[in-house]
Amino acid sequence: MSDDSMKQASEPTEPTAASLDEMPEIDEQRFRRRPGRGHHAHRRIGEIVVIDAELWSHFGSAEAVKDALRRVVEDAKKAAGS
């Protein structure tokens, strides 16, 4: 074995008490793990919709699709109100 491999084996793998003392404690609510499935268990995604490729080529992004659908809903509300 070479001297380098011997040095690596003898080096401590755990942090020293001095280095742990230098680390600040983080006690903010946003860094704590929430109970449940995961960090975002409280969020609801909604329905997932598959858009045909021929339609997707006209939009190109999820935001463009959402904007178009919002306009359709607004137009339908205006037409129903008239």
N, C-alpha and C. Protein backbone atom coordinates (compact mmCIF):
# COMPACT_ATOMS: atom_id res chain seq x y z
N MET A 1 0.84 -1.19 0.00
CA MET A 1 0.00 0.00 0.00
C MET A 1 0.87 1.24 0.00
N SER A 2 0.31 2.30 -0.60
CA SER A 2 1.08 3.54 -0.65
C SER A 2 0.83 4.36 0.61
N ASP A 3 1.64 5.36 0.81
CA ASP A 3 1.50 6.23 1.97
C ASP A 3 0.19 7.02 1.93
N ASP A 4 -0.26 7.39 0.70
CA ASP A 4 -1.51 8.16 0.57
C ASP A 4 -2.71 7.36 1.07
N SER A 5 -2.77 6.08 0.73
CA SER A 5 -3.91 5.27 1.16
C SER A 5 -3.89 5.07 2.67
N MET A 6 -2.71 4.99 3.26
CA MET A 6 -2.61 4.85 4.71
C MET A 6 -3.08 6.12 5.41
N LYS A 7 -2.75 7.28 4.85
CA LYS A 7 -3.16 8.54 5.45
C LYS A 7 -4.68 8.67 5.41
N GLN A 8 -5.30 8.28 4.28
CA GLN A 8 -6.74 8.41 4.15
C GLN A 8 -7.45 7.49 5.14
N ALA A 9 -6.92 6.32 5.38
CA ALA A 9 -7.56 5.38 6.28
C ALA A 9 -7.48 5.85 7.73
N SER A 10 -6.43 6.57 8.10
CA SER A 10 -6.27 7.01 9.47
C SER A 10 -6.97 8.33 9.76
N GLU A 11 -7.42 9.05 8.74
CA GLU A 11 -8.12 10.32 8.96
C GLU A 11 -9.51 10.06 9.53
N PRO A 12 -9.95 10.88 10.45
CA PRO A 12 -11.28 10.67 11.04
C PRO A 12 -12.37 10.96 10.02
N THR A 13 -13.43 10.17 10.06
CA THR A 13 -14.54 10.37 9.13
C THR A 13 -15.64 11.21 9.75
N GLU A 14 -15.65 11.30 11.06
CA GLU A 14 -16.67 12.10 11.76
C GLU A 14 -16.12 13.50 12.01
N PRO A 15 -17.00 14.51 12.05
CA PRO A 15 -16.52 15.86 12.36
C PRO A 15 -16.04 15.96 13.80
N THR A 16 -15.10 16.82 14.01
CA THR A 16 -14.57 17.00 15.36
C THR A 16 -15.52 17.85 16.19
N ALA A 17 -15.36 17.82 17.48
CA ALA A 17 -16.21 18.61 18.37
C ALA A 17 -16.03 20.10 18.09
N ALA A 18 -14.80 20.50 17.77
CA ALA A 18 -14.53 21.92 17.48
C ALA A 18 -15.27 22.36 16.22
N SER A 19 -15.27 21.51 15.18
CA SER A 19 -15.96 21.90 13.96
C SER A 19 -17.48 21.91 14.15
N LEU A 20 -17.99 21.03 14.99
CA LEU A 20 -19.43 21.05 15.29
C LEU A 20 -19.82 22.29 16.07
N ASP A 21 -18.90 22.77 16.95
CA ASP A 21 -19.18 23.99 17.71
C ASP A 21 -19.25 25.21 16.80
N GLU A 22 -18.55 25.17 15.67
CA GLU A 22 -18.55 26.30 14.73
C GLU A 22 -19.84 26.38 13.92
N MET A 23 -20.58 25.27 13.83
CA MET A 23 -21.80 25.26 13.02
C MET A 23 -22.96 25.84 13.82
N PRO A 24 -23.69 26.78 13.21
CA PRO A 24 -24.84 27.34 13.93
C PRO A 24 -26.01 26.36 13.93
N GLU A 25 -26.82 26.43 14.96
CA GLU A 25 -28.05 25.63 15.02
C GLU A 25 -29.10 26.32 14.17
N ILE A 26 -29.77 25.55 13.36
CA ILE A 26 -30.85 26.10 12.54
C ILE A 26 -32.15 25.63 13.15
N ASP A 27 -32.93 26.59 13.63
CA ASP A 27 -34.19 26.25 14.29
C ASP A 27 -35.33 27.03 13.65
N GLU A 28 -35.40 27.00 12.34
CA GLU A 28 -36.49 27.68 11.66
C GLU A 28 -37.52 26.65 11.22
N GLN A 29 -38.77 27.03 11.29
CA GLN A 29 -39.87 26.12 10.97
C GLN A 29 -39.77 25.61 9.53
N ARG A 30 -39.31 26.46 8.61
CA ARG A 30 -39.29 26.05 7.21
C ARG A 30 -38.27 24.95 6.92
N PHE A 31 -37.33 24.72 7.81
CA PHE A 31 -36.34 23.67 7.60
C PHE A 31 -36.70 22.36 8.30
N ARG A 32 -37.77 22.36 9.06
CA ARG A 32 -38.17 21.15 9.77
C ARG A 32 -38.97 20.25 8.85
N ARG A 33 -38.79 18.98 9.01
CA ARG A 33 -39.52 18.00 8.20
C ARG A 33 -40.95 17.93 8.69
N ARG A 34 -41.87 18.01 7.75
CA ARG A 34 -43.29 17.93 8.10
C ARG A 34 -43.73 16.49 8.10
N PRO A 35 -44.66 16.14 8.97
CA PRO A 35 -45.15 14.77 8.98
C PRO A 35 -45.97 14.48 7.73
N GLY A 36 -46.03 13.24 7.34
CA GLY A 36 -46.81 12.87 6.18
C GLY A 36 -45.94 12.28 5.09
N ARG A 37 -46.44 12.31 3.89
CA ARG A 37 -45.74 11.71 2.76
C ARG A 37 -44.41 12.37 2.46
N GLY A 38 -44.35 13.65 2.62
CA GLY A 38 -43.13 14.37 2.29
C GLY A 38 -43.32 15.84 2.60
N HIS A 39 -42.38 16.64 2.15
CA HIS A 39 -42.44 18.07 2.44
C HIS A 39 -43.65 18.75 1.80
N HIS A 40 -44.12 18.24 0.69
CA HIS A 40 -45.19 18.91 -0.04
C HIS A 40 -46.51 18.16 0.06
N ALA A 41 -46.70 17.42 1.13
CA ALA A 41 -47.92 16.63 1.28
C ALA A 41 -49.14 17.51 1.42
N HIS A 42 -48.97 18.74 1.89
CA HIS A 42 -50.10 19.64 2.07
C HIS A 42 -50.56 20.27 0.76
N ARG A 43 -49.77 20.16 -0.29
CA ARG A 43 -50.13 20.75 -1.57
C ARG A 43 -50.95 19.78 -2.41
N ARG A 44 -51.84 20.33 -3.18
CA ARG A 44 -52.64 19.50 -4.07
C ARG A 44 -52.35 19.94 -5.49
N ILE A 45 -51.97 19.01 -6.32
CA ILE A 45 -51.62 19.32 -7.70
C ILE A 45 -52.87 19.54 -8.53
N GLY A 46 -53.85 18.70 -8.39
CA GLY A 46 -55.03 18.77 -9.22
C GLY A 46 -55.01 17.63 -10.22
N GLU A 47 -55.82 17.75 -11.22
CA GLU A 47 -55.90 16.71 -12.24
C GLU A 47 -54.74 16.82 -13.22
N ILE A 48 -54.31 15.69 -13.72
CA ILE A 48 -53.28 15.65 -14.74
C ILE A 48 -53.96 15.33 -16.06
N VAL A 49 -53.68 16.14 -17.06
CA VAL A 49 -54.34 16.02 -18.35
C VAL A 49 -53.29 15.77 -19.41
N VAL A 50 -53.58 14.86 -20.32
CA VAL A 50 -52.67 14.58 -21.43
C VAL A 50 -53.20 15.33 -22.66
N ILE A 51 -52.33 16.09 -23.29
CA ILE A 51 -52.71 16.87 -24.47
C ILE A 51 -52.09 16.21 -25.69
N ASP A 52 -52.90 16.04 -26.72
CA ASP A 52 -52.41 15.43 -27.96
C ASP A 52 -51.24 16.24 -28.53
N ALA A 53 -50.32 15.55 -29.16
CA ALA A 53 -49.14 16.19 -29.73
C ALA A 53 -49.50 17.25 -30.76
N GLU A 54 -50.55 17.01 -31.54
CA GLU A 54 -50.94 17.98 -32.56
C GLU A 54 -51.42 19.30 -31.92
N LEU A 55 -52.02 19.21 -30.73
CA LEU A 55 -52.43 20.43 -30.03
C LEU A 55 -51.26 21.07 -29.29
N TRP A 56 -50.42 20.24 -28.70
CA TRP A 56 -49.27 20.74 -27.94
C TRP A 56 -48.37 21.60 -28.81
N SER A 57 -48.23 21.26 -30.07
CA SER A 57 -47.35 22.02 -30.96
C SER A 57 -47.82 23.47 -31.11
N HIS A 58 -49.10 23.75 -30.84
CA HIS A 58 -49.62 25.11 -30.93
C HIS A 58 -49.34 25.91 -29.66
N PHE A 59 -49.06 25.23 -28.56
CA PHE A 59 -48.86 25.91 -27.29
C PHE A 59 -47.39 25.93 -26.87
N GLY A 60 -46.79 24.77 -26.71
CA GLY A 60 -45.37 24.69 -26.38
C GLY A 60 -45.01 24.72 -24.90
N SER A 61 -45.94 25.12 -24.05
CA SER A 61 -45.63 25.11 -22.61
C SER A 61 -46.92 24.94 -21.82
N ALA A 62 -46.77 24.47 -20.60
CA ALA A 62 -47.92 24.28 -19.73
C ALA A 62 -48.58 25.62 -19.40
N GLU A 63 -47.77 26.66 -19.24
CA GLU A 63 -48.32 27.98 -18.94
C GLU A 63 -49.18 28.49 -20.09
N ALA A 64 -48.75 28.27 -21.33
CA ALA A 64 -49.54 28.70 -22.49
C ALA A 64 -50.87 27.96 -22.54
N VAL A 65 -50.88 26.69 -22.21
CA VAL A 65 -52.12 25.91 -22.19
C VAL A 65 -53.05 26.45 -21.11
N LYS A 66 -52.50 26.70 -19.91
CA LYS A 66 -53.33 27.22 -18.82
C LYS A 66 -53.91 28.58 -19.16
N ASP A 67 -53.11 29.45 -19.78
CA ASP A 67 -53.60 30.77 -20.16
C ASP A 67 -54.74 30.66 -21.18
N ALA A 68 -54.58 29.78 -22.16
CA ALA A 68 -55.62 29.60 -23.17
C ALA A 68 -56.91 29.07 -22.54
N LEU A 69 -56.78 28.12 -21.63
CA LEU A 69 -57.97 27.59 -20.97
C LEU A 69 -58.65 28.63 -20.09
N ARG A 70 -57.87 29.47 -19.44
CA ARG A 70 -58.46 30.55 -18.64
C ARG A 70 -59.25 31.51 -19.52
N ARG A 71 -58.71 31.82 -20.72
CA ARG A 71 -59.42 32.70 -21.65
C ARG A 71 -60.71 32.06 -22.12
N VAL A 72 -60.70 30.76 -22.36
CA VAL A 72 -61.92 30.06 -22.78
C VAL A 72 -62.97 30.14 -21.68
N VAL A 73 -62.57 29.94 -20.43
CA VAL A 73 -63.51 30.00 -19.31
C VAL A 73 -64.07 31.42 -19.17
N GLU A 74 -63.21 32.43 -19.27
CA GLU A 74 -63.68 33.82 -19.17
C GLU A 74 -64.68 34.13 -20.28
N ASP A 75 -64.38 33.71 -21.51
CA ASP A 75 -65.28 33.95 -22.64
C ASP A 75 -66.62 33.24 -22.43
N ALA A 76 -66.58 32.04 -21.88
CA ALA A 76 -67.82 31.30 -21.62
C ALA A 76 -68.65 32.00 -20.55
N LYS A 77 -68.00 32.55 -19.53
CA LYS A 77 -68.73 33.28 -18.48
C LYS A 77 -69.36 34.54 -19.05
N LYS A 78 -68.61 35.24 -19.92
CA LYS A 78 -69.16 36.46 -20.53
C LYS A 78 -70.35 36.12 -21.42
N ALA A 79 -70.25 35.04 -22.18
CA ALA A 79 -71.34 34.64 -23.06
C ALA A 79 -72.58 34.21 -22.26
N ALA A 80 -72.37 33.56 -21.14
CA ALA A 80 -73.49 33.13 -20.29
C ALA A 80 -74.15 34.32 -19.61
N GLY A 81 -73.39 35.36 -19.32
CA GLY A 81 -73.91 36.54 -18.65
C GLY A 81 -74.66 37.47 -19.59
N SER A 82 -74.48 37.35 -20.87
CA SER A 82 -75.10 38.25 -21.86
C SER A 82 -76.56 37.92 -22.10
